[in-house]
């Protein structure tokens, strides 16, 4: 049986990873849209 620390720690780490991945992915998508827009203007 996992301890109470594991019940709190593991989902917490997963949520932090999810949030960081979402932010980094959103930043990459915005940069790609900006690059495509600049390329289209040429």
N, C-alpha and C. Protein backbone atom coordinates (compact mmCIF):
# COMPACT_ATOMS: atom_id res chain seq x y z
N UNK A 1 0.85 -1.19 0.00
CA UNK A 1 0.00 0.00 0.00
C UNK A 1 0.89 1.25 0.00
N UNK A 2 0.70 2.15 -1.00
CA UNK A 2 1.53 3.35 -1.03
C UNK A 2 1.21 4.29 0.12
N UNK A 3 2.21 5.01 0.52
CA UNK A 3 2.02 5.96 1.62
C UNK A 3 1.26 7.19 1.12
N UNK A 4 0.82 8.00 2.05
CA UNK A 4 0.09 9.22 1.72
C UNK A 4 0.96 10.19 0.91
N UNK A 5 2.27 10.15 1.13
CA UNK A 5 3.19 11.01 0.38
C UNK A 5 3.14 10.66 -1.11
N UNK A 6 3.09 9.37 -1.43
CA UNK A 6 3.01 8.96 -2.82
C UNK A 6 1.69 9.38 -3.45
N UNK A 7 0.63 9.32 -2.68
CA UNK A 7 -0.69 9.68 -3.20
C UNK A 7 -0.75 11.17 -3.55
N UNK A 8 0.02 11.98 -2.85
CA UNK A 8 0.07 13.42 -3.13
C UNK A 8 1.18 13.74 -4.14
N UNK A 9 2.34 13.12 -3.98
CA UNK A 9 3.53 13.46 -4.76
C UNK A 9 3.38 13.09 -6.23
N UNK A 10 2.95 11.88 -6.53
CA UNK A 10 2.90 11.42 -7.91
C UNK A 10 1.92 12.24 -8.75
N UNK A 11 0.66 12.43 -8.33
CA UNK A 11 -0.22 13.29 -9.14
C UNK A 11 0.28 14.73 -9.23
N UNK A 12 0.94 15.22 -8.19
CA UNK A 12 1.49 16.58 -8.23
C UNK A 12 2.54 16.72 -9.30
N UNK A 13 3.45 15.76 -9.37
CA UNK A 13 4.50 15.79 -10.39
C UNK A 13 3.88 15.66 -11.79
N UNK A 14 2.87 14.80 -11.93
CA UNK A 14 2.20 14.67 -13.22
C UNK A 14 1.53 15.97 -13.64
N UNK A 15 0.91 16.66 -12.70
CA UNK A 15 0.27 17.94 -13.03
C UNK A 15 1.28 19.01 -13.40
N UNK A 16 2.41 19.03 -12.71
CA UNK A 16 3.47 19.98 -13.06
C UNK A 16 3.99 19.69 -14.47
N UNK A 17 4.20 18.42 -14.78
CA UNK A 17 4.65 18.05 -16.12
C UNK A 17 3.63 18.41 -17.19
N UNK A 18 2.36 18.22 -16.89
CA UNK A 18 1.30 18.56 -17.83
C UNK A 18 1.29 20.07 -18.08
N UNK A 19 1.40 20.85 -17.02
CA UNK A 19 1.38 22.31 -17.16
C UNK A 19 2.60 22.80 -17.95
N UNK A 20 3.77 22.27 -17.64
CA UNK A 20 4.97 22.69 -18.37
C UNK A 20 4.89 22.28 -19.84
N UNK A 21 4.43 21.09 -20.10
CA UNK A 21 4.29 20.63 -21.48
C UNK A 21 3.29 21.48 -22.26
N UNK A 22 2.20 21.85 -21.62
CA UNK A 22 1.20 22.70 -22.28
C UNK A 22 1.80 24.06 -22.62
N UNK A 23 2.51 24.64 -21.66
CA UNK A 23 3.10 25.97 -21.91
C UNK A 23 4.14 25.93 -23.00
N UNK A 24 5.02 24.92 -22.95
CA UNK A 24 6.08 24.83 -23.96
C UNK A 24 5.49 24.53 -25.34
N UNK A 25 4.47 23.68 -25.39
CA UNK A 25 3.82 23.37 -26.65
C UNK A 25 3.11 24.58 -27.23
N UNK A 26 2.42 25.33 -26.39
CA UNK A 26 1.72 26.53 -26.86
C UNK A 26 2.72 27.55 -27.40
N UNK A 27 3.85 27.69 -26.72
CA UNK A 27 4.88 28.62 -27.19
C UNK A 27 5.43 28.19 -28.54
N UNK A 28 5.64 26.89 -28.72
CA UNK A 28 6.15 26.38 -29.99
C UNK A 28 5.14 26.59 -31.11
N UNK A 29 3.87 26.39 -30.83
CA UNK A 29 2.83 26.60 -31.85
C UNK A 29 2.76 28.07 -32.24
N UNK A 30 2.81 28.96 -31.26
CA UNK A 30 2.78 30.40 -31.58
C UNK A 30 3.98 30.79 -32.44
N UNK A 31 5.16 30.28 -32.11
CA UNK A 31 6.36 30.59 -32.89
C UNK A 31 6.24 30.05 -34.31
N UNK A 32 5.67 28.87 -34.45
CA UNK A 32 5.50 28.30 -35.79
C UNK A 32 4.50 29.11 -36.61
N UNK A 33 3.39 29.53 -36.01
CA UNK A 33 2.43 30.38 -36.72
C UNK A 33 3.06 31.70 -37.15
N UNK A 34 3.88 32.26 -36.27
CA UNK A 34 4.55 33.52 -36.60
C UNK A 34 5.52 33.31 -37.76
N UNK A 35 6.25 32.20 -37.74
CA UNK A 35 7.19 31.91 -38.82
C UNK A 35 6.45 31.72 -40.15
N UNK A 36 5.35 31.00 -40.12
CA UNK A 36 4.57 30.79 -41.34
C UNK A 36 3.98 32.09 -41.86
N UNK A 37 3.54 32.96 -40.97
CA UNK A 37 2.99 34.25 -41.37
C UNK A 37 4.07 35.10 -42.03
N UNK A 38 5.26 35.12 -41.48
CA UNK A 38 6.36 35.88 -42.08
C UNK A 38 6.74 35.30 -43.42
N UNK A 39 6.73 33.98 -43.52
CA UNK A 39 7.07 33.33 -44.79
C UNK A 39 6.01 33.64 -45.85
N UNK A 40 4.76 33.69 -45.44
CA UNK A 40 3.67 33.96 -46.38
C UNK A 40 3.73 35.39 -46.91
N UNK A 41 4.22 36.32 -46.09
CA UNK A 41 4.29 37.73 -46.50
C UNK A 41 5.35 37.97 -47.56
N UNK A 42 6.32 37.11 -47.66
CA UNK A 42 7.42 37.32 -48.61
C UNK A 42 7.01 37.07 -50.03
